[in-house]
C-alpha atoms as a PDB file:
ATOM      1  CA  MET A   1      65.177 -14.399  19.645  1.00  0.00           C
ATOM      2  CA  ASN A   2      61.623 -14.008  20.927  1.00  0.00           C
ATOM      3  CA  GLN A   3      59.649 -12.272  18.158  1.00  0.00           C
ATOM      4  CA  LYS A   4      56.138 -12.689  19.539  1.00  0.00           C
ATOM      5  CA  VAL A   5      54.018  -9.627  18.812  1.00  0.00           C
ATOM      6  CA  VAL A   6      50.607  -9.039  20.393  1.00  0.00           C
ATOM      7  CA  VAL A   7      48.213  -6.462  18.925  1.00  0.00           C
ATOM      8  CA  LEU A   8      46.009  -5.573  21.871  1.00  0.00           C
ATOM      9  CA  ASN A   9      43.208  -3.527  20.293  1.00  0.00           C
ATOM     10  CA  ALA A  10      43.304  -4.019  16.540  1.00  0.00           C
ATOM     11  CA  GLY A  11      39.617  -3.175  16.265  1.00  0.00           C
ATOM     12  CA  LYS A  12      40.466   0.491  16.802  1.00  0.00           C
ATOM     13  CA  MET A  13      42.240   0.554  13.420  1.00  0.00           C
ATOM     14  CA  ASN A  14      40.798  -2.539  11.715  1.00  0.00           C
ATOM     15  CA  TYR A  15      37.126  -1.775  12.234  1.00  0.00           C
ATOM     16  CA  ASP A  16      36.299  -3.058   8.733  1.00  0.00           C
ATOM     17  CA  GLY A  17      38.483  -6.198   8.889  1.00  0.00           C
ATOM     18  CA  ARG A  18      40.491  -5.213   5.801  1.00  0.00           C
ATOM     19  CA  LEU A  19      43.962  -4.795   7.297  1.00  0.00           C
ATOM     20  CA  ASP A  20      46.776  -7.337   7.045  1.00  0.00           C
ATOM     21  CA  PHE A  21      48.861  -7.683  10.222  1.00  0.00           C
ATOM     22  CA  SER A  22      51.027 -10.541   8.991  1.00  0.00           C
ATOM     23  CA  ALA A  23      53.925  -8.181   8.226  1.00  0.00           C
ATOM     24  CA  LEU A  24      54.417  -7.450  11.931  1.00  0.00           C
ATOM     25  CA  SER A  25      56.130 -10.743  12.744  1.00  0.00           C
ATOM     26  CA  PRO A  26      56.125 -14.462  11.919  1.00  0.00           C
ATOM     27  CA  ASP A  27      54.624 -14.841  15.396  1.00  0.00           C
ATOM     28  CA  VAL A  28      51.788 -12.322  15.730  1.00  0.00           C
ATOM     29  CA  VAL A  29      48.563 -12.598  17.717  1.00  0.00           C
ATOM     30  CA  VAL A  30      45.796 -10.089  17.042  1.00  0.00           C
ATOM     31  CA  TYR A  31      42.952  -9.141  19.422  1.00  0.00           C
ATOM     32  CA  ASP A  32      40.169  -6.717  18.566  1.00  0.00           C
ATOM     33  CA  ASP A  33      40.199  -5.304  22.098  1.00  0.00           C
ATOM     34  CA  SER A  34      41.604  -6.085  25.535  1.00  0.00           C
ATOM     35  CA  THR A  35      40.575  -5.193  29.063  1.00  0.00           C
ATOM     36  CA  PRO A  36      43.378  -4.237  31.498  1.00  0.00           C
ATOM     37  CA  ALA A  37      43.273  -7.740  33.005  1.00  0.00           C
ATOM     38  CA  GLU A  38      43.387  -9.324  29.554  1.00  0.00           C
ATOM     39  CA  VAL A  39      46.342  -7.135  28.548  1.00  0.00           C
ATOM     40  CA  LEU A  40      48.577  -8.648  31.226  1.00  0.00           C
ATOM     41  CA  ARG A  41      47.495 -12.191  30.444  1.00  0.00           C
ATOM     42  CA  ARG A  42      47.809 -11.802  26.693  1.00  0.00           C
ATOM     43  CA  LEU A  43      51.281 -10.282  26.897  1.00  0.00           C
ATOM     44  CA  ASP A  44      52.647 -13.289  28.774  1.00  0.00           C
ATOM     45  CA  GLY A  45      55.649 -14.452  26.759  1.00  0.00           C
ATOM     46  CA  ALA A  46      55.378 -11.608  24.239  1.00  0.00           C
ATOM     47  CA  CYS A  47      58.237  -9.318  23.260  1.00  0.00           C
ATOM     48  CA  VAL A  48      56.198  -6.552  21.598  1.00  0.00           C
ATOM     49  CA  ALA A  49      52.893  -4.944  22.547  1.00  0.00           C
ATOM     50  CA  VAL A  50      51.078  -2.982  19.828  1.00  0.00           C
ATOM     51  CA  THR A  51      48.409  -0.520  20.926  1.00  0.00           C
ATOM     52  CA  LYS A  52      46.225   2.100  19.275  1.00  0.00           C
ATOM     53  CA  GLU A  53      45.286   4.994  21.588  1.00  0.00           C
ATOM     54  CA  MET A  54      44.830   2.503  24.436  1.00  0.00           C
ATOM     55  CA  PRO A  55      45.597   3.876  27.915  1.00  0.00           C
ATOM     56  CA  VAL A  56      48.813   2.232  29.136  1.00  0.00           C
ATOM     57  CA  PRO A  57      49.348   3.748  32.599  1.00  0.00           C
ATOM     58  CA  ALA A  58      52.271   3.271  34.964  1.00  0.00           C
ATOM     59  CA  GLU A  59      50.374   0.736  37.075  1.00  0.00           C
ATOM     60  CA  MET A  60      49.798  -1.493  34.056  1.00  0.00           C
ATOM     61  CA  ILE A  61      53.362  -1.184  32.779  1.00  0.00           C
ATOM     62  CA  GLY A  62      54.659  -2.048  36.223  1.00  0.00           C
ATOM     63  CA  GLN A  63      52.896  -5.429  35.907  1.00  0.00           C
ATOM     64  CA  PHE A  64      54.036  -6.218  32.367  1.00  0.00           C
ATOM     65  CA  PRO A  65      55.763  -9.592  31.972  1.00  0.00           C
ATOM     66  CA  GLU A  66      59.553  -9.419  31.861  1.00  0.00           C
ATOM     67  CA  SER A  67      59.385 -10.616  28.255  1.00  0.00           C
ATOM     68  CA  VAL A  68      57.934  -7.295  27.014  1.00  0.00           C
ATOM     69  CA  LYS A  69      60.707  -5.124  25.595  1.00  0.00           C
ATOM     70  CA  LEU A  70      58.866  -2.872  23.143  1.00  0.00           C
ATOM     71  CA  ILE A  71      55.576  -0.968  23.021  1.00  0.00           C
ATOM     72  CA  CYS A  72      54.542   0.221  19.560  1.00  0.00           C
ATOM     73  CA  GLU A  73      51.908   2.911  19.542  1.00  0.00           C
ATOM     74  CA  ALA A  74      50.125   2.572  16.201  1.00  0.00           C
ATOM     75  CA  GLY A  75      49.740   6.285  15.720  1.00  0.00           C
ATOM     76  CA  THR A  76      51.481   9.625  15.972  1.00  0.00           C
ATOM     77  CA  GLY A  77      50.370  10.668  19.458  1.00  0.00           C
ATOM     78  CA  TYR A  78      51.675   8.654  22.402  1.00  0.00           C
ATOM     79  CA  ASN A  79      50.284  10.601  25.364  1.00  0.00           C
ATOM     80  CA  ASN A  80      48.292   7.452  26.259  1.00  0.00           C
ATOM     81  CA  ILE A  81      51.500   5.660  27.345  1.00  0.00           C
ATOM     82  CA  ASP A  82      53.365   6.450  30.567  1.00  0.00           C
ATOM     83  CA  LEU A  83      56.856   6.937  29.147  1.00  0.00           C
ATOM     84  CA  ASP A  84      58.519   7.291  32.545  1.00  0.00           C
ATOM     85  CA  ALA A  85      57.138   3.936  33.659  1.00  0.00           C
ATOM     86  CA  ALA A  86      58.247   2.295  30.416  1.00  0.00           C
ATOM     87  CA  ARG A  87      61.722   3.777  30.801  1.00  0.00           C
ATOM     88  CA  ALA A  88      61.936   2.522  34.365  1.00  0.00           C
ATOM     89  CA  ARG A  89      61.171  -0.997  33.142  1.00  0.00           C
ATOM     90  CA  GLY A  90      63.667  -0.757  30.287  1.00  0.00           C
ATOM     91  CA  ILE A  91      60.870  -0.933  27.700  1.00  0.00           C
ATOM     92  CA  THR A  92      61.383   0.963  24.462  1.00  0.00           C
ATOM     93  CA  VAL A  93      58.422   2.928  23.093  1.00  0.00           C
ATOM     94  CA  CYS A  94      58.017   3.673  19.370  1.00  0.00           C
ATOM     95  CA  ASN A  95      55.342   5.560  17.485  1.00  0.00           C
ATOM     96  CA  VAL A  96      54.413   6.116  13.842  1.00  0.00           C
ATOM     97  CA  PRO A  97      55.086   9.782  13.137  1.00  0.00           C
ATOM     98  CA  ALA A  98      54.193  10.286   9.496  1.00  0.00           C
ATOM     99  CA  TYR A  99      51.842   7.617   8.167  1.00  0.00           C
ATOM    100  CA  SER A 100      48.844   9.954   7.735  1.00  0.00           C
ATOM    101  CA  SER A 101      50.468  13.317   7.073  1.00  0.00           C
ATOM    102  CA  GLN A 102      49.011  13.887   3.621  1.00  0.00           C
ATOM    103  CA  ARG A 103      45.560  12.516   4.425  1.00  0.00           C
ATOM    104  CA  VAL A 104      45.213  14.573   7.615  1.00  0.00           C
ATOM    105  CA  ALA A 105      46.480  17.656   5.802  1.00  0.00           C
ATOM    106  CA  HIS A 106      43.864  17.054   3.093  1.00  0.00           C
ATOM    107  CA  THR A 107      41.204  16.778   5.809  1.00  0.00           C
ATOM    108  CA  ALA A 108      42.247  20.134   7.291  1.00  0.00           C
ATOM    109  CA  VAL A 109      42.107  21.793   3.878  1.00  0.00           C
ATOM    110  CA  MET A 110      38.779  20.100   3.101  1.00  0.00           C
ATOM    111  CA  LEU A 111      37.330  21.607   6.277  1.00  0.00           C
ATOM    112  CA  MET A 112      38.660  25.048   5.355  1.00  0.00           C
ATOM    113  CA  LEU A 113      37.185  24.848   1.849  1.00  0.00           C
ATOM    114  CA  ASN A 114      33.815  23.677   3.117  1.00  0.00           C
ATOM    115  CA  LEU A 115      33.637  26.374   5.789  1.00  0.00           C
ATOM    116  CA  SER A 116      34.605  29.070   3.282  1.00  0.00           C
ATOM    117  CA  SER A 117      31.689  27.939   1.085  1.00  0.00           C
ATOM    118  CA  ALA A 118      29.146  27.537   3.913  1.00  0.00           C
ATOM    119  CA  MET A 119      28.803  23.972   2.627  1.00  0.00           C
ATOM    120  CA  GLN A 120      27.248  22.751   5.880  1.00  0.00           C
ATOM    121  CA  THR A 121      24.478  25.315   5.499  1.00  0.00           C
ATOM    122  CA  GLN A 122      23.968  24.567   1.805  1.00  0.00           C
ATOM    123  CA  ILE A 123      23.601  20.827   2.415  1.00  0.00           C
ATOM    124  CA  SER A 124      21.193  21.473   5.300  1.00  0.00           C
ATOM    125  CA  MET A 125      19.065  23.689   3.047  1.00  0.00           C
ATOM    126  CA  LEU A 126      18.755  20.940   0.454  1.00  0.00           C
ATOM    127  CA  ALA A 127      17.974  18.332   3.114  1.00  0.00           C
ATOM    128  CA  ARG A 128      14.931  20.327   4.201  1.00  0.00           C
ATOM    129  CA  GLY A 129      13.821  20.995   0.628  1.00  0.00           C
ATOM    130  CA  ASP A 130      15.053  24.596   0.398  1.00  0.00           C
ATOM    131  CA  ARG A 131      16.430  25.089  -3.143  1.00  0.00           C
ATOM    132  CA  SER A 132      16.614  28.862  -3.057  1.00  0.00           C
ATOM    133  CA  ASN A 133      20.373  28.855  -3.611  1.00  0.00           C
ATOM    134  CA  PHE A 134      19.563  27.490  -7.089  1.00  0.00           C
ATOM    135  CA  THR A 135      16.521  29.603  -7.898  1.00  0.00           C
ATOM    136  CA  GLU A 136      17.798  32.878  -6.430  1.00  0.00           C
ATOM    137  CA  HIS A 137      21.224  34.392  -5.991  1.00  0.00           C
ATOM    138  CA  LEU A 138      23.476  32.369  -3.677  1.00  0.00           C
ATOM    139  CA  LYS A 139      22.178  33.186  -0.219  1.00  0.00           C
ATOM    140  CA  VAL A 140      25.077  31.957   1.921  1.00  0.00           C
ATOM    141  CA  PRO A 141      28.599  33.328   2.517  1.00  0.00           C
ATOM    142  CA  HIS A 142      31.133  32.107  -0.041  1.00  0.00           C
ATOM    143  CA  VAL A 143      34.680  33.444   0.180  1.00  0.00           C
ATOM    144  CA  GLU A 144      37.968  32.699  -1.561  1.00  0.00           C
ATOM    145  CA  LEU A 145      40.933  31.179   0.265  1.00  0.00           C
ATOM    146  CA  ASN A 146      43.505  32.859  -1.951  1.00  0.00           C
ATOM    147  CA  GLY A 147      44.752  36.014  -0.304  1.00  0.00           C
ATOM    148  CA  LYS A 148      43.519  34.913   3.125  1.00  0.00           C
ATOM    149  CA  THR A 149      45.879  34.260   6.036  1.00  0.00           C
ATOM    150  CA  LEU A 150      46.253  30.756   7.416  1.00  0.00           C
ATOM    151  CA  GLY A 151      47.766  30.338  10.861  1.00  0.00           C
ATOM    152  CA  VAL A 152      49.401  26.923  11.342  1.00  0.00           C
ATOM    153  CA  VAL A 153      50.070  25.939  14.949  1.00  0.00           C
ATOM    154  CA  GLY A 154      52.841  23.336  14.864  1.00  0.00           C
ATOM    155  CA  ALA A 155      55.233  22.794  11.961  1.00  0.00           C
ATOM    156  CA  GLY A 156      55.699  19.026  12.058  1.00  0.00           C
ATOM    157  CA  ASN A 157      55.015  16.618   9.194  1.00  0.00           C
ATOM    158  CA  ILE A 158      51.303  17.403   8.930  1.00  0.00           C
ATOM    159  CA  GLY A 159      51.710  21.129   9.499  1.00  0.00           C
ATOM    160  CA  ARG A 160      54.280  21.315   6.693  1.00  0.00           C
ATOM    161  CA  GLN A 161      51.931  19.461   4.328  1.00  0.00           C
ATOM    162  CA  VAL A 162      49.165  21.963   5.117  1.00  0.00           C
ATOM    163  CA  ILE A 163      51.567  24.845   4.478  1.00  0.00           C
ATOM    164  CA  ARG A 164      52.485  23.441   1.041  1.00  0.00           C
ATOM    165  CA  ILE A 165      48.841  23.144   0.019  1.00  0.00           C
ATOM    166  CA  ALA A 166      48.011  26.602   1.397  1.00  0.00           C
ATOM    167  CA  GLN A 167      50.850  28.122  -0.619  1.00  0.00           C
ATOM    168  CA  ALA A 168      49.571  26.376  -3.754  1.00  0.00           C
ATOM    169  CA  MET A 169      46.224  28.080  -3.084  1.00  0.00           C
ATOM    170  CA  GLU A 170      48.048  31.420  -2.735  1.00  0.00           C
ATOM    171  CA  MET A 171      47.284  31.885   0.950  1.00  0.00           C
ATOM    172  CA  ASN A 172      49.490  33.882   3.273  1.00  0.00           C
ATOM    173  CA  VAL A 173      50.889  31.629   6.009  1.00  0.00           C
ATOM    174  CA  LEU A 174      51.776  32.361   9.616  1.00  0.00           C
ATOM    175  CA  VAL A 175      53.337  29.628  11.739  1.00  0.00           C
ATOM    176  CA  TYR A 176      53.727  29.227  15.480  1.00  0.00           C
ATOM    177  CA  SER A 177      56.226  26.544  16.447  1.00  0.00           C
ATOM    178  CA  ARG A 178      58.051  25.527  19.620  1.00  0.00           C
ATOM    179  CA  THR A 179      61.291  25.770  17.660  1.00  0.00           C
ATOM    180  CA  LYS A 180      61.919  29.188  16.177  1.00  0.00           C
ATOM    181  CA  LYS A 181      62.743  28.944  12.482  1.00  0.00           C
ATOM    182  CA  GLU A 182      63.750  31.416   9.819  1.00  0.00           C
ATOM    183  CA  ASP A 183      60.979  32.920   7.714  1.00  0.00           C
ATOM    184  CA  LEU A 184      60.549  31.456   4.244  1.00  0.00           C
ATOM    185  CA  GLN A 185      59.000  32.971   1.150  1.00  0.00           C
ATOM    186  CA  GLY A 186      55.343  33.434   2.016  1.00  0.00           C
ATOM    187  CA  VAL A 187      55.737  31.873   5.479  1.00  0.00           C
ATOM    188  CA  SER A 188      56.337  33.922   8.622  1.00  0.00           C
ATOM    189  CA  PHE A 189      57.089  32.437  12.046  1.00  0.00           C
ATOM    190  CA  VAL A 190      55.318  34.459  14.727  1.00  0.00           C
ATOM    191  CA  SER A 191      54.089  34.255  18.305  1.00  0.00           C
ATOM    192  CA  LEU A 192      50.858  32.413  19.057  1.00  0.00           C
ATOM    193  CA  GLU A 193      49.232  35.704  20.013  1.00  0.00           C
ATOM    194  CA  THR A 194      50.115  37.302  16.671  1.00  0.00           C
ATOM    195  CA  LEU A 195      48.963  34.229  14.758  1.00  0.00           C
ATOM    196  CA  LEU A 196      45.578  34.166  16.470  1.00  0.00           C
ATOM    197  CA  LYS A 197      45.021  37.905  15.973  1.00  0.00           C
ATOM    198  CA  GLU A 198      45.944  38.007  12.289  1.00  0.00           C
ATOM    199  CA  SER A 199      44.727  34.684  10.855  1.00  0.00           C
ATOM    200  CA  ASP A 200      41.531  34.100   8.901  1.00  0.00           C
ATOM    201  CA  TYR A 201      41.897  30.345   9.490  1.00  0.00           C
ATOM    202  CA  VAL A 202      43.745  28.747  12.420  1.00  0.00           C
ATOM    203  CA  SER A 203      44.736  25.089  11.952  1.00  0.00           C
ATOM    204  CA  LEU A 204      46.118  23.045  14.858  1.00  0.00           C
ATOM    205  CA  HIS A 205      48.904  20.521  14.204  1.00  0.00           C
ATOM    206  CA  CYS A 206      50.716  19.879  17.462  1.00  0.00           C
ATOM    207  CA  PRO A 207      50.929  16.989  19.951  1.00  0.00           C
ATOM    208  CA  LEU A 208      48.877  16.848  23.131  1.00  0.00           C
ATOM    209  CA  ASN A 209      50.916  17.289  26.296  1.00  0.00           C
ATOM    210  CA  GLU A 210      50.746  19.286  29.504  1.00  0.00           C
ATOM    211  CA  GLN A 211      51.960  22.409  27.697  1.00  0.00           C
ATOM    212  CA  THR A 212      49.450  22.193  24.848  1.00  0.00           C
ATOM    213  CA  ARG A 213      46.338  20.904  26.639  1.00  0.00           C
ATOM    214  CA  HIS A 214      43.613  23.570  26.289  1.00  0.00           C
ATOM    215  CA  MET A 215      46.033  25.932  24.553  1.00  0.00           C
ATOM    216  CA  ILE A 216      42.928  27.172  22.748  1.00  0.00           C
ATOM    217  CA  ASN A 217      40.793  28.466  25.584  1.00  0.00           C
ATOM    218  CA  GLU A 218      38.626  31.411  26.572  1.00  0.00           C
ATOM    219  CA  GLN A 219      41.596  33.796  26.575  1.00  0.00           C
ATOM    220  CA  THR A 220      43.190  32.662  23.304  1.00  0.00           C
ATOM    221  CA  LEU A 221      39.853  32.389  21.488  1.00  0.00           C
ATOM    222  CA  ALA A 222      39.213  36.028  22.418  1.00  0.00           C
ATOM    223  CA  LEU A 223      42.234  36.988  20.294  1.00  0.00           C
ATOM    224  CA  MET A 224      40.737  35.599  17.082  1.00  0.00           C
ATOM    225  CA  LYS A 225      38.887  37.671  14.503  1.00  0.00           C
ATOM    226  CA  PRO A 226      35.064  37.414  14.525  1.00  0.00           C
ATOM    227  CA  SER A 227      35.389  36.315  10.885  1.00  0.00           C
ATOM    228  CA  ALA A 228      37.981  33.604  11.583  1.00  0.00           C
ATOM    229  CA  PHE A 229      37.572  29.829  11.515  1.00  0.00           C
ATOM    230  CA  LEU A 230      39.262  27.273  13.797  1.00  0.00           C
ATOM    231  CA  ILE A 231      40.371  23.909  12.368  1.00  0.00           C
ATOM    232  CA  ASN A 232      41.481  20.964  14.509  1.00  0.00           C
ATOM    233  CA  THR A 233      42.677  17.682  12.993  1.00  0.00           C
ATOM    234  CA  SER A 234      45.238  17.000  15.733  1.00  0.00           C
ATOM    235  CA  ARG A 235      43.981  16.216  19.252  1.00  0.00           C
ATOM    236  CA  GLY A 236      40.637  17.258  20.687  1.00  0.00           C
ATOM    237  CA  ALA A 237      41.971  18.334  24.070  1.00  0.00           C
ATOM    238  CA  LEU A 238      44.102  21.061  22.505  1.00  0.00           C
ATOM    239  CA  ILE A 239      40.833  23.002  22.709  1.00  0.00           C
ATOM    240  CA  ASP A 240      38.817  23.807  25.813  1.00  0.00           C
ATOM    241  CA  GLU A 241      35.592  22.550  24.243  1.00  0.00           C
ATOM    242  CA  PRO A 242      33.067  24.364  26.485  1.00  0.00           C
ATOM    243  CA  ALA A 243      34.913  27.625  25.819  1.00  0.00           C
ATOM    244  CA  LEU A 244      34.787  26.984  22.069  1.00  0.00           C
ATOM    245  CA  ILE A 245      31.073  26.140  22.158  1.00  0.00           C
ATOM    246  CA  LYS A 246      30.414  29.395  24.013  1.00  0.00           C
ATOM    247  CA  VAL A 247      32.233  31.618  21.504  1.00  0.00           C
ATOM    248  CA  LEU A 248      30.586  29.795  18.591  1.00  0.00           C
ATOM    249  CA  GLN A 249      27.134  30.257  20.095  1.00  0.00           C
ATOM    250  CA  GLU A 250      27.867  33.933  20.689  1.00  0.00           C
ATOM    251  CA  GLY A 251      29.237  34.441  17.163  1.00  0.00           C
ATOM    252  CA  LYS A 252      32.619  35.611  18.406  1.00  0.00           C
ATOM    253  CA  ILE A 253      34.340  33.515  15.739  1.00  0.00           C
ATOM    254  CA  ALA A 254      32.821  32.486  12.414  1.00  0.00           C
ATOM    255  CA  GLY A 255      32.960  28.731  12.823  1.00  0.00           C
ATOM    256  CA  ALA A 256      35.005  25.591  13.372  1.00  0.00           C
ATOM    257  CA  GLY A 257      35.960  22.396  11.548  1.00  0.00           C
ATOM    258  CA  LEU A 258      36.671  19.630  14.046  1.00  0.00           C
ATOM    259  CA  ASP A 259      37.885  16.191  13.013  1.00  0.00           C
ATOM    260  CA  VAL A 260      38.856  15.532  16.633  1.00  0.00           C
ATOM    261  CA  GLN A 261      36.959  16.240  19.833  1.00  0.00           C
ATOM    262  CA  GLU A 262      37.862  16.344  23.503  1.00  0.00           C
ATOM    263  CA  THR A 263      35.724  13.242  24.105  1.00  0.00           C
ATOM    264  CA  GLU A 264      35.440  10.810  21.208  1.00  0.00           C
ATOM    265  CA  PRO A 265      32.773  10.202  20.247  1.00  0.00           C
ATOM    266  CA  PRO A 266      31.143  13.349  21.654  1.00  0.00           C
ATOM    267  CA  VAL A 267      28.250  12.715  24.009  1.00  0.00           C
ATOM    268  CA  GLN A 268      24.860  12.572  22.280  1.00  0.00           C
ATOM    269  CA  ASP A 269      23.707  15.983  23.514  1.00  0.00           C
ATOM    270  CA  ASN A 270      26.918  17.813  22.574  1.00  0.00           C
ATOM    271  CA  PRO A 271      25.856  21.072  20.852  1.00  0.00           C
ATOM    272  CA  LEU A 272      28.640  20.704  18.274  1.00  0.00           C
ATOM    273  CA  TYR A 273      26.589  18.048  16.457  1.00  0.00           C
ATOM    274  CA  THR A 274      23.888  20.508  15.439  1.00  0.00           C
ATOM    275  CA  MET A 275      25.557  23.919  15.253  1.00  0.00           C
ATOM    276  CA  GLY A 276      25.217  25.530  11.840  1.00  0.00           C
ATOM    277  CA  ASN A 277      28.706  27.047  11.955  1.00  0.00           C
ATOM    278  CA  VAL A 278      30.469  23.783  12.804  1.00  0.00           C
ATOM    279  CA  ILE A 279      31.599  20.889  10.639  1.00  0.00           C
ATOM    280  CA  LEU A 280      32.087  17.826  12.805  1.00  0.00           C
ATOM    281  CA  THR A 281      33.778  14.703  11.424  1.00  0.00           C
ATOM    282  CA  PRO A 282      34.574  11.424  13.259  1.00  0.00           C
ATOM    283  CA  HIS A 283      38.394  11.565  13.431  1.00  0.00           C
ATOM    284  CA  MET A 284      38.394  10.546   9.781  1.00  0.00           C
ATOM    285  CA  GLY A 285      41.818  11.942   8.884  1.00  0.00           C
ATOM    286  CA  TRP A 286      43.608   8.651   9.518  1.00  0.00           C
ATOM    287  CA  LYS A 287      40.776   6.210   8.786  1.00  0.00           C
ATOM    288  CA  GLY A 288      41.078   5.626   5.038  1.00  0.00           C
ATOM    289  CA  GLN A 289      42.073   2.049   4.188  1.00  0.00           C
ATOM    290  CA  GLU A 290      45.303   3.066   2.435  1.00  0.00           C
ATOM    291  CA  THR A 291      46.267   5.229   5.397  1.00  0.00           C
ATOM    292  CA  ARG A 292      45.534   2.510   7.939  1.00  0.00           C
ATOM    293  CA  GLN A 293      47.470  -0.150   6.023  1.00  0.00           C
ATOM    294  CA  ARG A 294      50.396   2.267   5.772  1.00  0.00           C
ATOM    295  CA  LEU A 295      50.128   2.589   9.553  1.00  0.00           C
ATOM    296  CA  VAL A 296      50.448  -1.175  10.001  1.00  0.00           C
ATOM    297  CA  ASP A 297      53.371  -1.274   7.570  1.00  0.00           C
ATOM    298  CA  VAL A 298      55.261   1.417   9.516  1.00  0.00           C
ATOM    299  CA  VAL A 299      54.589  -0.435  12.780  1.00  0.00           C
ATOM    300  CA  ALA A 300      56.170  -3.468  11.105  1.00  0.00           C
ATOM    301  CA  LYS A 301      59.188  -1.317  10.218  1.00  0.00           C
ATOM    302  CA  ASP A 302      59.441  -0.182  13.863  1.00  0.00           C
ATOM    303  CA  ILE A 303      59.384  -3.796  15.031  1.00  0.00           C
ATOM    304  CA  ARG A 304      61.936  -4.985  12.465  1.00  0.00           C
ATOM    305  CA  GLY A 305      64.265  -2.150  13.428  1.00  0.00           C
ATOM    306  CA  PHE A 306      63.997  -3.114  17.088  1.00  0.00           C
ATOM    307  CA  PHE A 307      64.660  -6.791  16.374  1.00  0.00           C
ATOM    308  CA  THR A 308      67.763  -5.966  14.295  1.00  0.00           C
ATOM    309  CA  GLY A 309      69.185  -3.581  16.874  1.00  0.00           C
ATOM    310  CA  GLU A 310      68.478  -0.451  14.816  1.00  0.00           C
ATOM    311  CA  PRO A 311      65.261   0.920  16.348  1.00  0.00           C
ATOM    312  CA  VAL A 312      63.409   3.730  14.577  1.00  0.00           C
ATOM    313  CA  ASN A 313      60.761   6.224  15.657  1.00  0.00           C
ATOM    314  CA  VAL A 314      61.794   5.839  19.313  1.00  0.00           C
ATOM    315  CA  VAL A 315      60.030   8.244  21.680  1.00  0.00           C
ATOM    316  CA  SER A 316      61.342   6.719  24.935  1.00  0.00           C
END
């Protein structure tokens, strides 16, 4: 059986050269990046294409060699792949749904803790030589998370991890999910409108699709408390970024912690870089070495399952 695997843009996940791709197959070829023309040439004779957030549109899939039977998206989101086109060609598509759940959840909680302590402001004060927080009473807002209400949008693997940590910190938890579930002790499932109105922190943990794109927009942001913070460690385009920038500049919400942005990296003059009520991080939730190697290992599991006739993590 043909077991040739081609990793088309390994540089996206192996930017430090520390990952081991040998587990994917005895016959694996790894490229740091590939142009659309190179993709078609490099997949000649391959059975499996591995991508990481690389656009794989219908036009490209329509030109794939007949040998390609599986596309593995090395990540949780797969909105970059045209599933209908893959289905039409009889190509299976797999993803990696849970490799970074704990690390991304920790990133969301880290952003909440830092925002609650005005850590961005405190670090900025020290950077410019202002030590008044040490010589006088603490001059920045500093609030507890216990007793506050966290609104979790999306109750998948990462959302559930965030809920567990929030409960350990004695937060009240509201959840909005596509699938209505029964309330649990300390966790109430509510409408998105109720969640946005009642939460002190809103954390996004849902996939990007046509239904969720810009779900946080001018209208939904207007529902949030002026004292509330928005956290996004999921997909940047869940938020209408210009609308968010406007409400942040006007002080209509307290701040935001954004590990993902609508355009990554943000353009150089994006106001989010320098806003005092924003913590901006470079999609770091999945980028730790342990997390990235776990990603490669789960991709290998996807491929082995496909080769043995027992595919896992199939999305199309």
